[in-house]
Each structure stands twice: as structure tokens, then as C-alpha cells.
Amino acid sequence: MCRRVVITGMGAVTPIGNNVNDFWSNAKVGKLGIDFIKSIDTDNLDVKIGGEIKDLKLDEYLDKKEIRRLDKFTQYALIASEEAVRNSGLELNNIDKTKFGVMVGSGIGGFHTHEQEFNTLFNKGPKRISPMYIPMTIINAAAANIAIKYEAKATCTSAVTACATGTNNIGDAFRYIKHGYADVMLSGGCESSITPIAIAGFNNMRALNSNNIPNKASIPFDKDRSGFVMGEGAGILVMESLDHALNRKANILCEIVGYGSTCDAYHITSPDPKGESAAKAMEDAINEGNINYDEVSYINAHGTSTPYNDLFETRAIKKIFKDKAKNIPISSTKSMTGHLLGAAGAVESIACIKALEEGFIPPTIGYSESEDELDLDYVPNVGRKADLKYALNNSLGFGGHNACLLFKRYK
């Protein structure tokens, strides 16, 4: 059984907007969501900037018990899921719950709770550790709480592939529906790792930008890029088989037609310099979509603003598209949001879907100067209108994980 799969709902919590409309409106105009961190004390940290969630009033979305008993990454996932379900028009009482599943992951999980409970352990002793510590921190907590809330009784899993997490979960959900195991899936990623230990850990491995100049920090594909900026948030999609969506007269936003997932098998943090497996993920997504390479009209790049990622991802794109690579608009919305780790691929999928829906490519902001091999069309600083039919979303994760989704404009 091979069924067509469509997107009928989306939800987002991001550093440039706490819902899909705000996120997309701000992405189109190149709004910077990176600023000095306010949620934690950064006096002893070298890195003092991040892409934080702003002006989110949790009590408007969650009850007091949920706020108290859920780590931030799960809170964000539930808020984005509620928007996605509402946006989809799903009448939950009218669907087969045994054909309704969840695939939502996080790259790291409950970092906030980890730090809080570690401090409790060291300062007050083991008897004072919260009985909710484990259920708050495990990575599958987000998926499980979503499934409980909506009574989704098909598969409930959490792919964990570092920065490719959100993309892999969406891709796995696509295949799950395509091959008939479910009719409806909630899928995506969530993350909240703006904590002292996470900032210090990533910085000490020299992955973060540390210039503390917000508008010069996350600058993908620019000659002066020097590391990524930590972001946080969530992106959730409602995915359905086409027949299921048509039968309930759903508003179809987009179709997903291809998915590629590979591993560099090269290094725990560095991508493969040749970009071969990243290129293979794109190739597999395009081949599953059964389209020609010149039909790809936009690529949302992983584009983290690290020296290695941007160069090696560019090499991978050139390996696949060859001379035509220079004709494809490529942008990195991480220039605005920072890097949302496990949520990045899901939020960037939403950017691809909105780009196809409206015929508009969001920009790569902060871009000022190229270098020798970085010579593609990175849509610098200003977005543009375009006739878009197919969009690729790339995600590359520590451990050599590569994931790529191919979205098609739905008519």
C-alpha cells in the first residue's frame, strides 16, 4: 500500500513568533529573534545571546498542573500541537484513534529539569529529588503527553537524531501513513536548552558563536560565520493520508512526497567534508518524489552558521544539482531564529510549507560577504516572491545524521 500524504495543520512556538502566522510574517521580513539571554544568569558564561521564546504566557495554554509538572520542551510541544490540531479542523471524536499516532522528538530533552534537580541533589540531598524528575526529563515525554491529550492510540515514538530530530520524525510519520499504518499523525520536534550547562557545553566544544553581537552572530554562509546561536521552540504538523483529508473536506496546506535519511558514519560532530551522505539524503527524497532535479525550486538549508556545516552542506548541494545548483534559491531561517536543535527541522518544514503556499522565499539575514566555495544563491537579507512547486528541507545532526524532506505545493 502506498498512499499520498498531506499536511492539514501546523503549530509553532519560535523565537520570532509563538504561532505559525507570527513566525511566518516575521520570517518574511527578516526579523531577528536573537538577543541577550534574559531567562538565565549569564554572568559566568562566555556566550550571552540566544534565540529565546518571548512573551509566551503559559497559563493561556496550559493549566497550573501542566506548567508545574512538564519541562519547557514538552510545554512548547503541547502548545504547538494545540495550534496544529485547531488549524487542521480535526474533529477528534470522529476519527479512528487506533489509526491516529504521534512522532515527536527532542534532541536533548528536559535540560531545565536536569539542572534544577542536580542542584537539589548537591545542595539538599537525594531525598529531595522530585518524584516527577524522570517523567519530566525523558525525551519521549513530549510525544507521550501529546498522545495522552488527544487519545492517539497508534504508534507513539520519538526519533532522536540531534539536530535532524524534527525532520526525521516528520519523515518517519510520512512513511507510516504512506504504507497504511496510520491515517493521521502529529509529528515534529521540540527543544528548550538555553541553560547554563547547555550553553557552556556547546561553547566549550567551540560550536557556538561567542561574539555576543546579536545581529552578527547567526550569519549562515557568510565568510565571518563562527558558530551557531542556541534557540528554543517547537514545530508540529498534522499529517494525513490524502483520502482521509479529502473525506473530511480538510483544508490541505501541502503534500509531502519524499524523504531521505542517511548517516555520514564519519565523525561524532563534524559533517563529512565531501558531503556524500548529505547529498544521498537529498537524492533519496527527490527520487521518492519521482521528480527531476531541476524541478526543485527552493531549499531550506540546515545552514547553522558554523564554518564546517555551511561549507560541507554547500558541497553536498553542488554534488546533487551540479551546474544547476546556482539557480536554486537557498536560505537558512536559522539566521533569524538561531538553532532550535531537535525542533529546527520541524519549524523549518513549516517555513517550506508556507513558502510553497504563498510563493515567497524567506531570506538569510546577516549576510554580507561570501567566500570562495560559498557561491550559491543564499537569498541574502531580503526575501523574494517566486513561483515555487517543490521545496527541500535539509537537516544535519551531530553523529552524522542527515535528513531531507521534499514538499510539493498542493493544488
Protein backbone atom coordinates (compact mmCIF):
# COMPACT_ATOMS: atom_id res chain seq x y z
CA MET A 1 0.00 0.00 0.00
CA CYS A 2 1.32 3.44 -0.98
CA ARG A 3 -0.84 6.43 -0.16
CA ARG A 4 -0.34 10.13 -0.75
CA VAL A 5 0.35 12.16 2.40
CA VAL A 6 -0.68 15.75 3.03
CA ILE A 7 -0.26 18.41 5.70
CA THR A 8 -3.51 19.83 7.09
CA GLY A 9 -2.39 21.67 10.25
CA MET A 10 0.66 23.37 11.69
CA GLY A 11 1.69 24.79 15.04
CA ALA A 12 4.82 26.71 16.03
CA VAL A 13 6.50 28.25 19.04
CA THR A 14 9.64 30.10 17.91
CA PRO A 15 11.95 33.00 18.80
CA ILE A 16 10.23 35.11 16.12
CA GLY A 17 6.64 34.21 16.85
CA ASN A 18 4.56 31.99 19.13
CA ASN A 19 2.23 30.78 16.39
CA VAL A 20 2.56 29.97 12.71
CA ASN A 21 1.21 33.27 11.41
CA ASP A 22 3.52 35.39 13.54
CA PHE A 23 6.50 33.15 12.81
CA TRP A 24 5.93 33.32 9.07
CA SER A 25 5.14 37.04 8.94
CA ASN A 26 8.36 37.80 10.80
CA ALA A 27 10.41 35.34 8.73
CA LYS A 28 9.27 37.01 5.53
CA VAL A 29 10.57 40.41 6.62
CA GLY A 30 13.77 39.06 8.15
CA LYS A 31 13.04 39.75 11.80
CA LEU A 32 15.91 38.91 14.14
CA GLY A 33 14.86 36.75 17.10
CA ILE A 34 18.30 36.67 18.70
CA ASP A 35 19.05 38.91 21.68
CA PHE A 36 20.75 38.89 25.07
CA ILE A 37 19.52 35.97 27.17
CA LYS A 38 17.09 37.01 29.90
CA SER A 39 15.87 33.67 31.30
CA ILE A 40 19.15 32.63 32.97
CA ASP A 41 22.10 34.33 34.63
CA THR A 42 24.89 34.62 32.04
CA ASP A 43 27.46 36.44 34.21
CA ASN A 44 29.76 33.41 34.29
CA LEU A 45 29.12 32.39 30.68
CA ASP A 46 31.13 33.50 27.68
CA VAL A 47 28.02 33.27 25.49
CA LYS A 48 25.32 35.74 26.48
CA ILE A 49 22.94 35.70 23.49
CA GLY A 50 20.34 33.24 22.25
CA GLY A 51 17.07 32.81 20.40
CA GLU A 52 14.67 32.74 23.33
CA ILE A 53 10.89 32.36 23.28
CA LYS A 54 9.38 35.75 24.10
CA ASP A 55 6.08 36.93 25.60
CA LEU A 56 4.63 33.44 25.88
CA LYS A 57 2.05 33.33 28.66
CA LEU A 58 1.96 29.67 29.59
CA ASP A 59 -1.21 29.98 31.66
CA GLU A 60 -3.13 30.90 28.50
CA TYR A 61 -2.36 27.44 27.06
CA LEU A 62 -1.67 25.10 29.98
CA ASP A 63 -3.17 24.58 33.41
CA LYS A 64 -1.14 25.05 36.59
CA LYS A 65 -0.53 21.33 37.00
CA GLU A 66 0.88 21.02 33.47
CA ILE A 67 3.13 24.03 33.97
CA ARG A 68 4.45 22.58 37.23
CA ARG A 69 4.90 19.01 36.01
CA LEU A 70 6.22 19.47 32.47
CA ASP A 71 9.65 20.61 31.35
CA LYS A 72 9.76 23.51 28.89
CA PHE A 73 10.39 21.33 25.85
CA THR A 74 7.16 19.42 26.49
CA GLN A 75 5.22 22.61 27.23
CA TYR A 76 6.27 24.04 23.88
CA ALA A 77 5.31 20.81 22.11
CA LEU A 78 1.84 20.79 23.65
CA ILE A 79 1.24 24.44 22.74
CA ALA A 80 2.33 23.89 19.14
CA SER A 81 0.23 20.70 18.95
CA GLU A 82 -2.88 22.53 20.11
CA GLU A 83 -2.43 25.13 17.38
CA ALA A 84 -1.81 22.43 14.77
CA VAL A 85 -4.89 20.41 15.73
CA ARG A 86 -7.05 23.51 15.84
CA ASN A 87 -5.64 24.70 12.49
CA SER A 88 -6.37 21.30 10.90
CA GLY A 89 -10.05 21.31 11.79
CA LEU A 90 -9.80 17.72 13.02
CA GLU A 91 -12.89 16.59 14.91
CA LEU A 92 -11.17 14.19 17.27
CA ASN A 93 -14.36 12.39 18.24
CA ASN A 94 -14.91 11.44 14.60
CA ILE A 95 -11.58 9.78 13.82
CA ASP A 96 -10.33 6.25 14.46
CA LYS A 97 -7.97 6.73 17.42
CA THR A 98 -6.25 3.42 16.65
CA LYS A 99 -5.13 4.98 13.35
CA PHE A 100 -4.01 8.23 14.98
CA GLY A 101 -0.38 8.40 16.10
CA VAL A 102 2.38 10.69 17.34
CA MET A 103 6.02 11.02 16.31
CA VAL A 104 7.62 13.94 18.15
CA GLY A 105 11.20 14.11 19.32
CA SER A 106 13.72 16.31 21.08
CA GLY A 107 17.46 16.34 20.62
CA ILE A 108 18.23 16.69 24.32
CA GLY A 109 15.04 16.59 26.41
CA GLY A 110 14.47 18.15 29.82
CA PHE A 111 17.66 20.13 30.37
CA HIS A 112 15.95 22.70 32.63
CA THR A 113 14.69 19.99 34.95
CA HIS A 114 18.04 18.17 34.89
CA GLU A 115 19.87 21.27 36.11
CA GLN A 116 17.27 22.06 38.74
CA GLU A 117 17.32 18.54 40.17
CA PHE A 118 21.12 18.28 40.05
CA ASN A 119 21.28 21.41 42.17
CA THR A 120 18.75 19.91 44.56
CA LEU A 121 20.80 16.73 44.82
CA PHE A 122 24.03 18.55 45.61
CA ASN A 123 22.53 21.13 47.96
CA LYS A 124 19.72 19.23 49.72
CA GLY A 125 20.39 15.54 49.17
CA PRO A 126 18.72 12.66 47.27
CA LYS A 127 15.56 12.58 49.40
CA ARG A 128 14.57 15.96 47.99
CA ILE A 129 14.64 14.93 44.31
CA SER A 130 11.22 15.39 42.74
CA PRO A 131 9.24 12.21 42.01
CA MET A 132 8.44 13.88 38.66
CA TYR A 133 12.12 14.22 37.75
CA ILE A 134 12.25 11.22 35.41
CA PRO A 135 8.90 11.74 33.62
CA MET A 136 9.78 15.41 33.11
CA THR A 137 13.17 14.79 31.51
CA ILE A 138 12.81 11.73 29.29
CA ILE A 139 12.77 12.66 25.62
CA ASN A 140 9.58 10.75 24.84
CA ALA A 141 7.68 12.88 27.40
CA ALA A 142 6.56 15.31 24.71
CA ALA A 143 5.19 12.61 22.41
CA ALA A 144 3.56 10.75 25.30
CA ASN A 145 1.83 13.83 26.69
CA ILE A 146 0.55 14.75 23.23
CA ALA A 147 -0.80 11.24 22.73
CA ILE A 148 -2.49 11.30 26.14
CA LYS A 149 -4.08 14.67 25.48
CA TYR A 150 -5.58 13.67 22.13
CA GLU A 151 -6.06 9.93 22.81
CA ALA A 152 -3.79 8.99 19.89
CA LYS A 153 -3.54 5.20 20.18
CA ALA A 154 -1.48 4.22 17.14
CA THR A 155 2.32 4.37 17.34
CA CYS A 156 3.86 6.94 19.68
CA THR A 157 7.61 7.29 19.15
CA SER A 158 10.42 9.81 19.38
CA ALA A 159 13.26 9.64 16.87
CA VAL A 160 16.35 11.25 18.39
CA THR A 161 18.96 12.32 15.83
CA ALA A 162 20.37 15.50 17.36
CA CYS A 163 19.72 18.45 15.05
CA ALA A 164 17.95 16.25 12.48
CA THR A 165 15.34 15.10 15.03
CA GLY A 166 12.36 17.13 13.85
CA THR A 167 12.95 16.23 10.21
CA ASN A 168 13.37 12.53 10.93
CA ASN A 169 10.16 12.41 12.96
CA ILE A 170 8.21 14.04 10.13
CA GLY A 171 9.81 11.71 7.60
CA ASP A 172 9.07 8.62 9.69
CA ALA A 173 5.46 9.76 10.13
CA PHE A 174 5.20 10.28 6.37
CA ARG A 175 6.26 6.69 5.75
CA TYR A 176 3.95 5.41 8.49
CA ILE A 177 0.94 6.97 6.78
CA LYS A 178 2.16 6.21 3.26
CA HIS A 179 2.31 2.49 3.99
CA GLY A 180 -1.06 2.33 5.70
CA TYR A 181 -0.22 2.01 9.38
CA ALA A 182 -2.00 5.25 10.34
CA ASP A 183 -4.42 7.75 8.86
CA VAL A 184 -3.40 10.77 10.95
CA MET A 185 -0.12 11.64 12.67
CA LEU A 186 1.06 14.53 14.81
CA SER A 187 4.77 14.91 14.14
CA GLY A 188 7.67 17.30 14.64
CA GLY A 189 10.21 18.37 17.22
CA CYS A 190 10.68 20.45 20.36
CA GLU A 191 13.58 21.81 22.36
CA SER A 192 14.48 24.11 25.25
CA SER A 193 18.19 24.07 26.01
CA ILE A 194 19.01 27.65 26.92
CA THR A 195 20.51 26.64 30.25
CA PRO A 196 23.93 27.27 31.78
CA ILE A 197 25.21 23.73 31.29
CA ALA A 198 24.00 23.51 27.68
CA ILE A 199 25.44 26.91 26.76
CA ALA A 200 28.75 26.07 28.45
CA GLY A 201 28.90 22.59 26.93
CA PHE A 202 28.27 23.68 23.36
CA ASN A 203 30.58 26.66 23.74
CA ASN A 204 33.44 24.61 25.18
CA MET A 205 33.30 22.37 22.13
CA ARG A 206 33.55 25.55 20.04
CA ALA A 207 30.17 25.09 18.37
CA LEU A 208 28.60 28.39 19.50
CA ASN A 209 29.18 31.91 18.29
CA SER A 210 30.61 33.91 21.18
CA ASN A 211 30.93 37.45 19.83
CA ASN A 212 27.73 38.47 21.70
CA ILE A 213 26.66 40.77 18.87
CA PRO A 214 23.06 39.67 18.13
CA ASN A 215 22.90 40.81 14.50
CA LYS A 216 26.37 39.43 13.67
CA ALA A 217 26.10 36.06 15.39
CA SER A 218 23.93 33.70 13.34
CA ILE A 219 25.13 34.50 9.83
CA PRO A 220 24.85 31.32 7.73
CA PHE A 221 27.04 31.08 4.63
CA ASP A 222 28.81 34.35 5.45
CA LYS A 223 32.61 34.50 5.38
CA ASP A 224 32.71 35.63 9.04
CA ARG A 225 30.47 32.88 10.47
CA SER A 226 31.98 31.32 13.58
CA GLY A 227 29.33 29.18 15.27
CA PHE A 228 25.61 28.74 15.84
CA VAL A 229 23.31 30.56 18.27
CA MET A 230 21.22 28.47 20.67
CA GLY A 231 17.48 28.74 20.07
CA GLU A 232 14.40 27.04 21.50
CA GLY A 233 10.84 26.21 20.49
CA ALA A 234 8.66 23.62 18.79
CA GLY A 235 7.09 22.82 15.45
CA ILE A 236 4.25 20.32 14.98
CA LEU A 237 2.47 19.15 11.82
CA VAL A 238 -0.85 17.36 11.37
CA MET A 239 -0.26 14.81 8.63
CA GLU A 240 -2.96 12.73 6.97
CA SER A 241 -3.45 10.36 4.10
CA LEU A 242 -4.90 12.27 1.18
CA ASP A 243 -8.07 10.18 1.20
CA HIS A 244 -8.63 10.82 4.90
CA ALA A 245 -8.19 14.56 4.40
CA LEU A 246 -10.47 14.67 1.36
CA ASN A 247 -13.16 12.62 3.07
CA ARG A 248 -13.44 15.16 5.86
CA LYS A 249 -13.08 18.10 3.43
CA ALA A 250 -9.94 19.35 5.16
CA ASN A 251 -8.01 22.42 4.07
CA ILE A 252 -4.88 20.88 2.56
CA LEU A 253 -1.78 23.03 3.00
CA CYS A 254 0.85 20.98 1.25
CA GLU A 255 1.83 17.49 0.16
CA ILE A 256 4.91 15.63 1.34
CA VAL A 257 6.27 13.39 -1.42
CA GLY A 258 9.82 12.37 -0.48
CA TYR A 259 12.11 11.60 2.44
CA GLY A 260 15.78 10.74 2.68
CA SER A 261 17.67 9.64 5.79
CA THR A 262 21.37 8.71 5.78
CA CYS A 263 24.44 8.71 8.01
CA ASP A 264 27.91 10.05 7.29
CA ALA A 265 29.49 7.35 9.51
CA TYR A 266 32.39 9.78 9.69
CA HIS A 267 32.66 11.80 12.95
CA ILE A 268 30.61 12.45 16.08
CA THR A 269 30.34 16.22 15.49
CA SER A 270 31.81 17.15 12.11
CA PRO A 271 29.88 16.52 8.89
CA ASP A 272 31.66 14.61 6.15
CA PRO A 273 33.72 17.20 4.22
CA LYS A 274 32.73 15.59 0.92
CA GLY A 275 29.01 15.86 1.69
CA GLU A 276 28.33 12.47 0.12
CA SER A 277 25.74 11.14 2.56
CA ALA A 278 24.04 14.53 2.89
CA ALA A 279 23.78 14.55 -0.90
CA LYS A 280 22.40 10.99 -0.82
CA ALA A 281 19.62 12.07 1.57
CA MET A 282 18.58 14.78 -0.90
CA GLU A 283 18.84 12.33 -3.78
CA ASP A 284 16.65 9.78 -1.99
CA ALA A 285 13.96 12.37 -1.20
CA ILE A 286 13.91 13.59 -4.80
CA ASN A 287 13.79 10.05 -6.19
CA GLU A 288 10.94 9.05 -3.88
CA GLY A 289 9.10 12.14 -5.05
CA ASN A 290 9.66 10.96 -8.62
CA ILE A 291 10.67 14.40 -9.89
CA ASN A 292 13.53 15.80 -11.93
CA TYR A 293 16.32 17.61 -10.12
CA ASP A 294 15.58 20.86 -11.94
CA GLU A 295 12.05 20.87 -10.51
CA VAL A 296 13.33 21.75 -7.01
CA SER A 297 12.59 25.45 -6.67
CA TYR A 298 13.71 26.19 -3.07
CA ILE A 299 15.97 24.64 -0.42
CA ASN A 300 15.67 25.50 3.25
CA ALA A 301 19.23 24.70 4.27
CA HIS A 302 20.41 23.39 7.60
CA GLY A 303 22.66 26.46 7.50
CA THR A 304 23.83 26.64 11.11
CA SER A 305 26.47 29.39 10.70
CA THR A 306 29.32 27.07 11.68
CA PRO A 307 32.38 27.01 9.42
CA TYR A 308 32.09 23.30 8.63
CA ASN A 309 28.32 22.88 8.24
CA ASP A 310 27.76 25.68 5.77
CA LEU A 311 30.70 24.72 3.59
CA PHE A 312 30.03 20.98 3.59
CA GLU A 313 26.28 21.42 3.04
CA THR A 314 27.05 23.67 0.07
CA ARG A 315 29.31 20.95 -1.31
CA ALA A 316 26.50 18.41 -0.90
CA ILE A 317 24.05 20.64 -2.77
CA LYS A 318 26.55 21.10 -5.60
CA LYS A 319 27.19 17.36 -5.73
CA ILE A 320 23.49 16.70 -6.37
CA PHE A 321 22.48 19.65 -8.53
CA LYS A 322 25.85 20.27 -10.25
CA ASP A 323 25.76 23.34 -12.53
CA LYS A 324 22.08 23.93 -11.72
CA ALA A 325 22.87 24.45 -8.03
CA LYS A 326 23.48 28.16 -8.64
CA ASN A 327 19.95 28.54 -9.98
CA ILE A 328 18.21 27.26 -6.84
CA PRO A 329 17.34 29.78 -4.10
CA ILE A 330 18.67 28.56 -0.73
CA SER A 331 18.03 30.20 2.62
CA SER A 332 18.59 29.50 6.27
CA THR A 333 15.88 30.68 8.65
CA LYS A 334 18.34 29.94 11.48
CA SER A 335 19.74 33.37 10.69
CA MET A 336 16.58 34.69 12.39
CA THR A 337 15.70 32.05 14.98
CA GLY A 338 19.06 30.65 15.93
CA HIS A 339 19.43 26.87 16.03
CA LEU A 340 16.45 25.12 17.64
CA LEU A 341 18.33 21.78 17.75
CA GLY A 342 15.71 18.99 17.78
CA ALA A 343 12.94 21.43 16.85
CA ALA A 344 14.84 23.03 13.96
CA GLY A 345 13.77 20.68 11.17
CA ALA A 346 10.11 20.86 12.17
CA VAL A 347 9.99 24.66 12.29
CA GLU A 348 11.92 24.83 9.02
CA SER A 349 9.42 22.41 7.46
CA ILE A 350 6.74 24.94 8.35
CA ALA A 351 8.82 27.60 6.57
CA CYS A 352 8.96 25.38 3.47
CA ILE A 353 5.21 24.75 3.53
CA LYS A 354 4.40 28.45 3.91
CA ALA A 355 6.90 29.30 1.16
CA LEU A 356 5.11 26.93 -1.23
CA GLU A 357 1.69 28.11 -0.12
CA GLU A 358 2.42 31.81 -0.65
CA GLY A 359 5.13 31.72 -3.32
CA PHE A 360 7.63 33.55 -1.14
CA ILE A 361 11.18 32.67 -0.10
CA PRO A 362 12.33 33.86 3.34
CA PRO A 363 15.80 35.44 3.46
CA THR A 364 19.11 34.57 5.05
CA ILE A 365 19.70 37.69 7.14
CA GLY A 366 23.03 39.00 8.41
CA TYR A 367 24.75 38.01 5.17
CA SER A 368 27.44 40.41 3.96
CA GLU A 369 30.39 38.64 2.33
CA SER A 370 30.89 35.33 0.55
CA GLU A 371 33.95 33.10 0.37
CA ASP A 372 35.34 31.02 -2.45
CA GLU A 373 33.19 27.88 -2.30
CA LEU A 374 30.10 29.57 -0.84
CA ASP A 375 28.90 30.93 -4.16
CA LEU A 376 25.26 29.84 -4.35
CA ASP A 377 22.08 31.94 -4.15
CA TYR A 378 21.55 32.20 -0.39
CA VAL A 379 18.73 34.79 -0.73
CA PRO A 380 20.73 37.39 1.22
CA ASN A 381 18.91 39.71 3.62
CA VAL A 382 15.71 40.26 1.62
CA GLY A 383 13.06 37.65 0.85
CA ARG A 384 11.57 37.37 -2.60
CA LYS A 385 8.47 36.24 -4.44
CA ALA A 386 8.87 33.17 -6.60
CA ASP A 387 6.85 30.52 -8.39
CA LEU A 388 7.53 27.52 -6.18
CA LYS A 389 6.40 23.95 -6.75
CA TYR A 390 8.83 21.77 -4.77
CA ALA A 391 10.88 22.63 -1.68
CA LEU A 392 13.60 20.62 0.07
CA ASN A 393 14.25 20.85 3.78
CA ASN A 394 17.74 19.76 4.90
CA SER A 395 18.78 18.80 8.43
CA LEU A 396 22.19 17.56 9.55
CA GLY A 397 22.82 16.35 13.10
CA PHE A 398 25.76 15.53 15.35
CA GLY A 399 26.61 11.88 14.84
CA GLY A 400 26.46 12.28 11.07
CA HIS A 401 22.66 12.14 10.78
CA ASN A 402 21.27 13.57 7.53
CA ALA A 403 17.56 14.00 6.84
CA CYS A 404 15.77 15.61 3.94
CA LEU A 405 12.09 16.16 3.18
CA LEU A 406 10.57 17.02 -0.21
CA PHE A 407 7.39 19.10 -0.07
CA LYS A 408 5.10 19.77 -3.02
CA ARG A 409 2.68 22.66 -3.46
CA TYR A 410 -0.84 21.25 -3.31
CA LYS A 411 -3.44 22.28 -5.86
